C-alpha atoms as a PDB file:
ATOM      1  CA  MET A   1      71.280  97.809 117.496  1.00  0.00           C
ATOM      2  CA  GLU A   2      68.699  96.911 114.657  1.00  0.00           C
ATOM      3  CA  LYS A   3      69.255  99.979 112.549  1.00  0.00           C
ATOM      4  CA  LEU A   4      73.208  99.885 113.207  1.00  0.00           C
ATOM      5  CA  GLN A   5      73.149  96.567 111.538  1.00  0.00           C
ATOM      6  CA  ALA A   6      70.602  97.980 108.616  1.00  0.00           C
ATOM      7  CA  ALA A   7      72.758 100.628 107.764  1.00  0.00           C
ATOM      8  CA  LEU A   8      75.845  98.189 107.770  1.00  0.00           C
ATOM      9  CA  ASP A   9      73.896  96.304 105.301  1.00  0.00           C
ATOM     10  CA  LYS A  10      72.549  99.419 103.103  1.00  0.00           C
ATOM     11  CA  ALA A  11      75.987 100.511 102.922  1.00  0.00           C
ATOM     12  CA  ARG A  12      77.443  97.205 101.704  1.00  0.00           C
ATOM     13  CA  GLN A  13      74.655  96.991  99.131  1.00  0.00           C
ATOM     14  CA  THR A  14      75.279 100.524  98.233  1.00  0.00           C
ATOM     15  CA  ARG A  15      79.119  99.832  97.460  1.00  0.00           C
ATOM     16  CA  ALA A  16      78.328  96.424  95.553  1.00  0.00           C
ATOM     17  CA  VAL A  17      76.208  98.590  93.178  1.00  0.00           C
ATOM     18  CA  ARG A  18      77.967 101.947  92.542  1.00  0.00           C
ATOM     19  CA  SER A  19      81.229 102.568  90.850  1.00  0.00           C
ATOM     20  CA  THR A  20      83.878 104.248  92.631  1.00  0.00           C
ATOM     21  CA  THR A  21      83.399 107.888  92.880  1.00  0.00           C
ATOM     22  CA  VAL A  22      86.497 108.933  94.683  1.00  0.00           C
ATOM     23  CA  SER A  23      89.724 108.954  92.870  1.00  0.00           C
ATOM     24  CA  SER A  24      92.847 106.689  94.520  1.00  0.00           C
ATOM     25  CA  ARG A  25      95.536 108.398  95.173  1.00  0.00           C
ATOM     26  CA  THR A  26      98.245 108.192  92.520  1.00  0.00           C
ATOM     27  CA  GLN A  27     100.116 104.731  93.105  1.00  0.00           C
ATOM     28  CA  LEU A  28     104.061 104.656  93.086  1.00  0.00           C
ATOM     29  CA  LYS A  29     105.519 102.038  90.618  1.00  0.00           C
ATOM     30  CA  THR A  30     107.016  99.480  93.473  1.00  0.00           C
ATOM     31  CA  THR A  31     108.842  96.581  91.660  1.00  0.00           C
ATOM     32  CA  PRO A  32     110.594  93.850  93.945  1.00  0.00           C
ATOM     33  CA  SER A  33     114.802  94.260  94.284  1.00  0.00           C
ATOM     34  CA  PRO A  34     117.064  92.975  96.376  1.00  0.00           C
ATOM     35  CA  ASP A  35     117.739  96.563  98.166  1.00  0.00           C
ATOM     36  CA  ALA A  36     113.871  96.274  99.478  1.00  0.00           C
ATOM     37  CA  MET A  37     114.655  92.642 100.879  1.00  0.00           C
ATOM     38  CA  GLY A  38     117.875  94.322 102.667  1.00  0.00           C
ATOM     39  CA  ALA A  39     116.143  97.304 104.038  1.00  0.00           C
ATOM     40  CA  TRP A  40     113.634  94.949 105.619  1.00  0.00           C
ATOM     41  CA  GLU A  41     116.334  92.493 107.119  1.00  0.00           C
ATOM     42  CA  ALA A  42     117.929  95.900 108.363  1.00  0.00           C
ATOM     43  CA  LEU A  43     114.581  96.149 110.672  1.00  0.00           C
ATOM     44  CA  THR A  44     115.025  95.894 114.394  1.00  0.00           C
ATOM     45  CA  PRO A  45     113.392  92.359 115.034  1.00  0.00           C
ATOM     46  CA  ILE A  46     110.817  91.865 117.761  1.00  0.00           C
ATOM     47  CA  THR A  47     108.812  88.385 119.384  1.00  0.00           C
ATOM     48  CA  LEU A  48     105.120  89.103 120.031  1.00  0.00           C
ATOM     49  CA  GLY A  49     103.324  86.854 122.198  1.00  0.00           C
ATOM     50  CA  GLY A  50     102.286  85.941 125.641  1.00  0.00           C
ATOM     51  CA  GLU A  51      99.544  87.394 128.352  1.00  0.00           C
ATOM     52  CA  ALA A  52      99.798  91.302 126.893  1.00  0.00           C
ATOM     53  CA  LEU A  53      98.384  89.917 123.298  1.00  0.00           C
ATOM     54  CA  ALA A  54      95.793  88.107 124.768  1.00  0.00           C
ATOM     55  CA  GLN A  55      94.566  90.835 127.070  1.00  0.00           C
ATOM     56  CA  HIS A  56      93.972  93.129 124.275  1.00  0.00           C
ATOM     57  CA  LEU A  57      92.354  90.306 122.030  1.00  0.00           C
ATOM     58  CA  ILE A  58      95.177  90.067 119.673  1.00  0.00           C
ATOM     59  CA  VAL A  59      94.542  86.549 118.424  1.00  0.00           C
ATOM     60  CA  THR A  60      96.047  86.111 115.144  1.00  0.00           C
ATOM     61  CA  GLN A  61      99.733  85.529 115.649  1.00  0.00           C
ATOM     62  CA  GLU A  62      98.817  82.051 115.079  1.00  0.00           C
ATOM     63  CA  ALA A  63      95.932  80.199 112.951  1.00  0.00           C
ATOM     64  CA  GLY A  64      93.264  78.639 115.275  1.00  0.00           C
ATOM     65  CA  ALA A  65      89.793  79.162 115.585  1.00  0.00           C
ATOM     66  CA  GLU A  66      90.085  82.476 117.466  1.00  0.00           C
ATOM     67  CA  ALA A  67      91.684  84.075 114.552  1.00  0.00           C
ATOM     68  CA  THR A  68      89.256  82.897 111.916  1.00  0.00           C
ATOM     69  CA  PRO A  69      87.093  85.844 112.163  1.00  0.00           C
ATOM     70  CA  PHE A  70      89.955  88.046 111.744  1.00  0.00           C
ATOM     71  CA  ASP A  71      91.257  85.695 108.878  1.00  0.00           C
ATOM     72  CA  ILE A  72      88.258  86.368 107.172  1.00  0.00           C
ATOM     73  CA  LEU A  73      88.324  90.034 107.170  1.00  0.00           C
ATOM     74  CA  ARG A  74      91.719  89.632 105.799  1.00  0.00           C
ATOM     75  CA  THR A  75      91.146  87.471 102.892  1.00  0.00           C
ATOM     76  CA  LYS A  76      87.828  89.927 101.856  1.00  0.00           C
ATOM     77  CA  ALA A  77      90.062  93.070 102.417  1.00  0.00           C
ATOM     78  CA  LEU A  78      93.204  91.884 100.342  1.00  0.00           C
ATOM     79  CA  LEU A  79      90.879  90.584  97.370  1.00  0.00           C
ATOM     80  CA  GLN A  80      89.185  93.307  97.269  1.00  0.00           C
ATOM     81  CA  MET A  81      92.248  95.675  97.747  1.00  0.00           C
ATOM     82  CA  ARG A  82      94.080  93.815  94.618  1.00  0.00           C
ATOM     83  CA  GLN A  83      90.873  93.964  92.441  1.00  0.00           C
ATOM     84  CA  ASN A  84      91.059  97.803  92.708  1.00  0.00           C
ATOM     85  CA  GLY A  85      94.933  98.159  92.759  1.00  0.00           C
ATOM     86  CA  TRP A  86      94.767  99.529  96.448  1.00  0.00           C
ATOM     87  CA  LYS A  87      97.737  99.287  98.850  1.00  0.00           C
ATOM     88  CA  ARG A  88      96.805 101.745 101.771  1.00  0.00           C
ATOM     89  CA  LEU A  89      93.972 101.091 104.211  1.00  0.00           C
ATOM     90  CA  ALA A  90      93.200 103.274 106.864  1.00  0.00           C
ATOM     91  CA  ILE A  91      91.066 101.497 109.855  1.00  0.00           C
ATOM     92  CA  THR A  92      88.789 104.284 111.431  1.00  0.00           C
ATOM     93  CA  SER A  93      85.557 104.332 113.767  1.00  0.00           C
ATOM     94  CA  PRO A  94      82.767 106.683 114.072  1.00  0.00           C
ATOM     95  CA  MET A  95      83.666 106.912 117.925  1.00  0.00           C
ATOM     96  CA  PRO A  96      86.574 105.768 120.540  1.00  0.00           C
ATOM     97  CA  LYS A  97      86.249 102.320 122.230  1.00  0.00           C
ATOM     98  CA  SER A  98      84.953 100.863 119.079  1.00  0.00           C
ATOM     99  CA  GLY A  99      87.781  98.429 119.067  1.00  0.00           C
ATOM    100  CA  LYS A 100      89.542  99.733 115.870  1.00  0.00           C
ATOM    101  CA  THR A 101      93.153  99.338 117.296  1.00  0.00           C
ATOM    102  CA  THR A 102      92.285  95.709 117.975  1.00  0.00           C
ATOM    103  CA  VAL A 103      91.039  95.198 114.629  1.00  0.00           C
ATOM    104  CA  ALA A 104      94.096  96.666 113.086  1.00  0.00           C
ATOM    105  CA  CYS A 105      96.324  94.649 115.199  1.00  0.00           C
ATOM    106  CA  ASN A 106      94.803  91.697 114.263  1.00  0.00           C
ATOM    107  CA  LEU A 107      94.285  92.542 110.599  1.00  0.00           C
ATOM    108  CA  ALA A 108      98.242  93.150 110.625  1.00  0.00           C
ATOM    109  CA  LEU A 109      99.550  89.911 112.021  1.00  0.00           C
ATOM    110  CA  GLY A 110      97.247  88.044 109.969  1.00  0.00           C
ATOM    111  CA  LEU A 111      98.652  89.296 107.056  1.00  0.00           C
ATOM    112  CA  GLY A 112     102.184  88.910 108.407  1.00  0.00           C
ATOM    113  CA  ARG A 113     101.542  85.221 108.399  1.00  0.00           C
ATOM    114  CA  GLN A 114     100.807  85.253 104.693  1.00  0.00           C
ATOM    115  CA  ASN A 115     104.420  84.866 103.783  1.00  0.00           C
ATOM    116  CA  ASP A 116     104.472  85.873 100.249  1.00  0.00           C
ATOM    117  CA  LEU A 117     103.288  89.466 101.257  1.00  0.00           C
ATOM    118  CA  ARG A 118     105.099  92.412 102.911  1.00  0.00           C
ATOM    119  CA  SER A 119     102.642  94.461 105.207  1.00  0.00           C
ATOM    120  CA  MET A 120     102.950  97.347 107.280  1.00  0.00           C
ATOM    121  CA  LEU A 121     101.045  98.657 110.405  1.00  0.00           C
ATOM    122  CA  PHE A 122     101.238 102.389 111.325  1.00  0.00           C
ATOM    123  CA  ASP A 123      99.637 103.859 114.464  1.00  0.00           C
ATOM    124  CA  LEU A 124      98.704 107.578 113.802  1.00  0.00           C
ATOM    125  CA  ASP A 125      96.375 108.158 116.337  1.00  0.00           C
ATOM    126  CA  LEU A 126      98.603 110.396 117.840  1.00  0.00           C
ATOM    127  CA  ARG A 127      96.473 112.072 120.433  1.00  0.00           C
ATOM    128  CA  ASP A 128      95.974 108.716 122.052  1.00  0.00           C
ATOM    129  CA  PRO A 129      98.523 105.937 120.304  1.00  0.00           C
ATOM    130  CA  SER A 130      97.988 102.746 121.699  1.00  0.00           C
ATOM    131  CA  VAL A 131      99.552  99.768 119.738  1.00  0.00           C
ATOM    132  CA  HIS A 132     102.712  99.987 121.598  1.00  0.00           C
ATOM    133  CA  GLU A 133     100.702  99.161 124.594  1.00  0.00           C
ATOM    134  CA  PHE A 134      98.802  96.421 123.035  1.00  0.00           C
ATOM    135  CA  LEU A 135     101.881  94.805 121.488  1.00  0.00           C
ATOM    136  CA  GLN A 136     103.951  95.648 124.434  1.00  0.00           C
ATOM    137  CA  VAL A 137     106.856  97.315 122.707  1.00  0.00           C
ATOM    138  CA  GLU A 138     108.328 100.653 123.325  1.00  0.00           C
ATOM    139  CA  PRO A 139     110.602 101.644 120.152  1.00  0.00           C
ATOM    140  CA  ALA A 140     113.570 104.042 120.445  1.00  0.00           C
ATOM    141  CA  TYR A 141     111.698 106.586 118.441  1.00  0.00           C
ATOM    142  CA  GLY A 142     108.196 107.542 117.841  1.00  0.00           C
ATOM    143  CA  ILE A 143     106.525 107.510 114.374  1.00  0.00           C
ATOM    144  CA  GLY A 144     106.275 111.715 114.682  1.00  0.00           C
ATOM    145  CA  ASP A 145     109.940 111.713 114.688  1.00  0.00           C
ATOM    146  CA  VAL A 146     109.959 109.920 111.133  1.00  0.00           C
ATOM    147  CA  LEU A 147     107.587 112.235 109.583  1.00  0.00           C
ATOM    148  CA  THR A 148     109.072 115.367 110.707  1.00  0.00           C
ATOM    149  CA  GLY A 149     112.159 113.985 109.055  1.00  0.00           C
ATOM    150  CA  ALA A 150     114.093 113.782 112.522  1.00  0.00           C
ATOM    151  CA  VAL A 151     114.508 110.192 112.312  1.00  0.00           C
ATOM    152  CA  PRO A 152     114.616 107.755 109.731  1.00  0.00           C
ATOM    153  CA  PHE A 153     112.275 105.203 109.438  1.00  0.00           C
ATOM    154  CA  SER A 154     115.110 102.326 109.470  1.00  0.00           C
ATOM    155  CA  LYS A 155     115.928 103.552 112.962  1.00  0.00           C
ATOM    156  CA  HIS A 156     112.186 103.653 114.289  1.00  0.00           C
ATOM    157  CA  ALA A 157     110.217 100.839 112.902  1.00  0.00           C
ATOM    158  CA  VAL A 158     110.607  96.940 113.966  1.00  0.00           C
ATOM    159  CA  ARG A 159     109.942  93.895 112.238  1.00  0.00           C
ATOM    160  CA  HIS A 160     107.901  90.719 113.335  1.00  0.00           C
ATOM    161  CA  GLY A 161     109.064  87.782 111.332  1.00  0.00           C
ATOM    162  CA  SER A 162     110.411  88.590 107.734  1.00  0.00           C
ATOM    163  CA  ASN A 163     107.453  90.387 106.417  1.00  0.00           C
ATOM    164  CA  LEU A 164     105.407  92.648 108.875  1.00  0.00           C
ATOM    165  CA  ALA A 165     106.965  96.057 109.929  1.00  0.00           C
ATOM    166  CA  ILE A 166     105.167  98.118 112.575  1.00  0.00           C
ATOM    167  CA  SER A 167     105.592 101.726 113.175  1.00  0.00           C
ATOM    168  CA  MET A 168     104.328 103.050 116.499  1.00  0.00           C
ATOM    169  CA  ALA A 169     103.705 106.513 118.143  1.00  0.00           C
ATOM    170  CA  THR A 170     105.371 106.580 121.629  1.00  0.00           C
ATOM    171  CA  ARG A 171     104.023 110.096 123.154  1.00  0.00           C
ATOM    172  CA  HIS A 172     100.935 112.271 122.277  1.00  0.00           C
ATOM    173  CA  GLU A 173     101.890 114.843 119.625  1.00  0.00           C
ATOM    174  CA  LEU A 174     101.125 118.449 120.321  1.00  0.00           C
ATOM    175  CA  ASP A 175      99.482 119.476 116.713  1.00  0.00           C
ATOM    176  CA  PRO A 176      98.478 116.184 115.336  1.00  0.00           C
ATOM    177  CA  THR A 177      96.205 117.499 112.601  1.00  0.00           C
ATOM    178  CA  ARG A 178      99.359 119.808 111.136  1.00  0.00           C
ATOM    179  CA  LEU A 179     101.215 116.919 110.785  1.00  0.00           C
ATOM    180  CA  LEU A 180      98.726 114.365 109.654  1.00  0.00           C
ATOM    181  CA  LEU A 181      98.006 117.202 106.943  1.00  0.00           C
ATOM    182  CA  SER A 182     101.319 118.285 105.953  1.00  0.00           C
ATOM    183  CA  GLU A 183     103.253 117.605 102.535  1.00  0.00           C
ATOM    184  CA  GLU A 184     106.050 116.435 104.579  1.00  0.00           C
ATOM    185  CA  THR A 185     104.074 113.351 105.947  1.00  0.00           C
ATOM    186  CA  ALA A 186     102.840 112.238 102.689  1.00  0.00           C
ATOM    187  CA  GLU A 187     106.500 112.703 101.090  1.00  0.00           C
ATOM    188  CA  ALA A 188     107.577 110.548 104.272  1.00  0.00           C
ATOM    189  CA  LEU A 189     105.105 107.570 103.608  1.00  0.00           C
ATOM    190  CA  ASP A 190     105.839 107.890  99.573  1.00  0.00           C
ATOM    191  CA  GLU A 191     109.773 107.203 100.554  1.00  0.00           C
ATOM    192  CA  ILE A 192     108.903 104.421 102.908  1.00  0.00           C
ATOM    193  CA  GLU A 193     106.645 102.667 100.047  1.00  0.00           C
ATOM    194  CA  ALA A 194     109.437 103.171  97.605  1.00  0.00           C
ATOM    195  CA  THR A 195     112.332 101.961  99.577  1.00  0.00           C
ATOM    196  CA  TYR A 196     110.523  99.008 101.554  1.00  0.00           C
ATOM    197  CA  LYS A 197     107.793  98.243  98.491  1.00  0.00           C
ATOM    198  CA  PRO A 198     105.102  96.823 100.742  1.00  0.00           C
ATOM    199  CA  ASP A 199     102.358  95.283  99.429  1.00  0.00           C
ATOM    200  CA  VAL A 200      99.623  96.540 102.245  1.00  0.00           C
ATOM    201  CA  MET A 201     100.208  99.719 104.552  1.00  0.00           C
ATOM    202  CA  ILE A 202      97.559 100.184 107.428  1.00  0.00           C
ATOM    203  CA  PHE A 203      97.008 103.064 109.247  1.00  0.00           C
ATOM    204  CA  ASP A 204      95.075 103.023 112.742  1.00  0.00           C
ATOM    205  CA  LEU A 205      93.685 106.316 112.506  1.00  0.00           C
ATOM    206  CA  PRO A 206      91.329 108.567 115.148  1.00  0.00           C
ATOM    207  CA  SER A 207      87.968 108.088 115.438  1.00  0.00           C
ATOM    208  CA  VAL A 208      86.169 110.149 112.556  1.00  0.00           C
ATOM    209  CA  LEU A 209      83.675 112.374 114.819  1.00  0.00           C
ATOM    210  CA  VAL A 210      86.168 113.291 117.663  1.00  0.00           C
ATOM    211  CA  ASN A 211      88.428 115.854 115.727  1.00  0.00           C
ATOM    212  CA  ASP A 212      89.743 116.852 112.194  1.00  0.00           C
ATOM    213  CA  ASP A 213      92.814 114.221 112.634  1.00  0.00           C
ATOM    214  CA  THR A 214      91.122 111.609 110.389  1.00  0.00           C
ATOM    215  CA  ARG A 215      89.852 113.947 107.531  1.00  0.00           C
ATOM    216  CA  ALA A 216      93.272 115.633 107.222  1.00  0.00           C
ATOM    217  CA  PHE A 217      94.953 112.205 106.472  1.00  0.00           C
ATOM    218  CA  LEU A 218      92.496 110.196 104.172  1.00  0.00           C
ATOM    219  CA  LYS A 219      94.215 111.926 100.902  1.00  0.00           C
ATOM    220  CA  ASN A 220      96.742 109.789 101.760  1.00  0.00           C
ATOM    221  CA  VAL A 221      95.459 106.219 101.655  1.00  0.00           C
ATOM    222  CA  ASP A 222      93.276 104.407  99.045  1.00  0.00           C
ATOM    223  CA  CYS A 223      90.790 103.087 101.264  1.00  0.00           C
ATOM    224  CA  ALA A 224      89.430 102.956 104.615  1.00  0.00           C
ATOM    225  CA  LEU A 225      87.679 100.269 106.724  1.00  0.00           C
ATOM    226  CA  ILE A 226      84.949 101.701 109.649  1.00  0.00           C
ATOM    227  CA  VAL A 227      84.780  99.769 112.747  1.00  0.00           C
ATOM    228  CA  ALA A 228      81.425 100.152 114.605  1.00  0.00           C
ATOM    229  CA  ARG A 229      80.898  98.643 117.802  1.00  0.00           C
ATOM    230  CA  ALA A 230      77.546  97.036 118.780  1.00  0.00           C
ATOM    231  CA  GLU A 231      75.179  98.132 121.413  1.00  0.00           C
ATOM    232  CA  HIS A 232      77.602 101.217 121.213  1.00  0.00           C
ATOM    233  CA  THR A 233      77.938 103.089 118.088  1.00  0.00           C
ATOM    234  CA  ARG A 234      74.730 104.939 117.111  1.00  0.00           C
ATOM    235  CA  PHE A 235      72.960 104.633 113.642  1.00  0.00           C
ATOM    236  CA  GLY A 236      73.541 108.348 113.175  1.00  0.00           C
ATOM    237  CA  GLN A 237      77.136 108.323 114.291  1.00  0.00           C
ATOM    238  CA  PHE A 238      77.823 105.359 111.653  1.00  0.00           C
ATOM    239  CA  ASP A 239      75.896 107.136 108.942  1.00  0.00           C
ATOM    240  CA  ILE A 240      77.972 110.504 109.426  1.00  0.00           C
ATOM    241  CA  CYS A 241      81.153 108.619 109.303  1.00  0.00           C
ATOM    242  CA  GLU A 242      80.474 106.831 106.431  1.00  0.00           C
ATOM    243  CA  ARG A 243      79.728 109.698 104.680  1.00  0.00           C
ATOM    244  CA  GLU A 244      82.877 111.936 105.939  1.00  0.00           C
ATOM    245  CA  ILE A 245      84.886 109.154 104.728  1.00  0.00           C
ATOM    246  CA  GLY A 246      83.308 108.857 101.442  1.00  0.00           C
ATOM    247  CA  GLU A 247      84.155 112.523 100.443  1.00  0.00           C
ATOM    248  CA  HIS A 248      87.965 111.907 100.901  1.00  0.00           C
ATOM    249  CA  THR A 249      88.559 108.222  99.829  1.00  0.00           C
ATOM    250  CA  ASN A 250      87.020 104.952  98.916  1.00  0.00           C
ATOM    251  CA  VAL A 251      85.048 102.762 102.084  1.00  0.00           C
ATOM    252  CA  LEU A 252      86.648  99.145 102.240  1.00  0.00           C
ATOM    253  CA  GLY A 253      83.743  98.040 104.067  1.00  0.00           C
ATOM    254  CA  ALA A 254      82.444  97.907 107.656  1.00  0.00           C
ATOM    255  CA  VAL A 255      83.110  95.452 110.723  1.00  0.00           C
ATOM    256  CA  LEU A 256      80.639  95.252 113.575  1.00  0.00           C
ATOM    257  CA  ASN A 257      82.554  94.357 116.824  1.00  0.00           C
ATOM    258  CA  ALA A 258      81.534  93.041 119.629  1.00  0.00           C
ATOM    259  CA  CYS A 259      78.262  91.466 118.199  1.00  0.00           C
ATOM    260  CA  ARG A 260      76.914  88.625 120.108  1.00  0.00           C
ATOM    261  CA  ILE A 261      75.372  86.286 117.364  1.00  0.00           C
ATOM    262  CA  GLY A 262      72.310  84.686 118.752  1.00  0.00           C
ATOM    263  CA  VAL A 263      71.826  86.538 122.051  1.00  0.00           C
END
């Protein structure tokens, strides 16, 4: 535990003193327009709440004491992304069961409470998708259908409130690495960004050290957030994960999950 905390502190200090060494992807020019507003309004609306969210520790749909830690994360992430002109954020972890999907969902719903922002959440953990289970929503089509061009994003994504779009996977993809690495996927995301003009796009990605899916996709994001779990993530795993991500995109920061303060 102490080694992992020291690694997190060292990573934070390193990011504070060094200049960015990984070039961000080419930013699309996105100017607010009536067309974008119409595109958002056309998405299928949903209402989230109840025991399903509580069961998976999704607590940011409303402001309150439980939401505060995630709201702090939201503010810090948003300020740093704005400062650097970043829009696309990957959320990953060294190994599974670290809580990355919980963090991704809470961050997305927290951003959804910012009425002046348009945010999107994508479940791209295509070998083990779980956002639809956490939110208890079953879309008619999966994100894989969108990335291959079989279904338009407008028929797939759902909208919570007026400013949070959620794109979920509904099945295990047979060859997710190929899909995430393809130019077809990059072009599909560029088209979504150009049409809907979101302020923030969050991508829930697989754990880095399990397969090469995340490595294949990181070229499509501006930065990444690493989720480590106290008493679960090893120092060596975190160190390798951070270095791997740093080769492909900017490391926004790290979250130490399930940490019992004062215990």
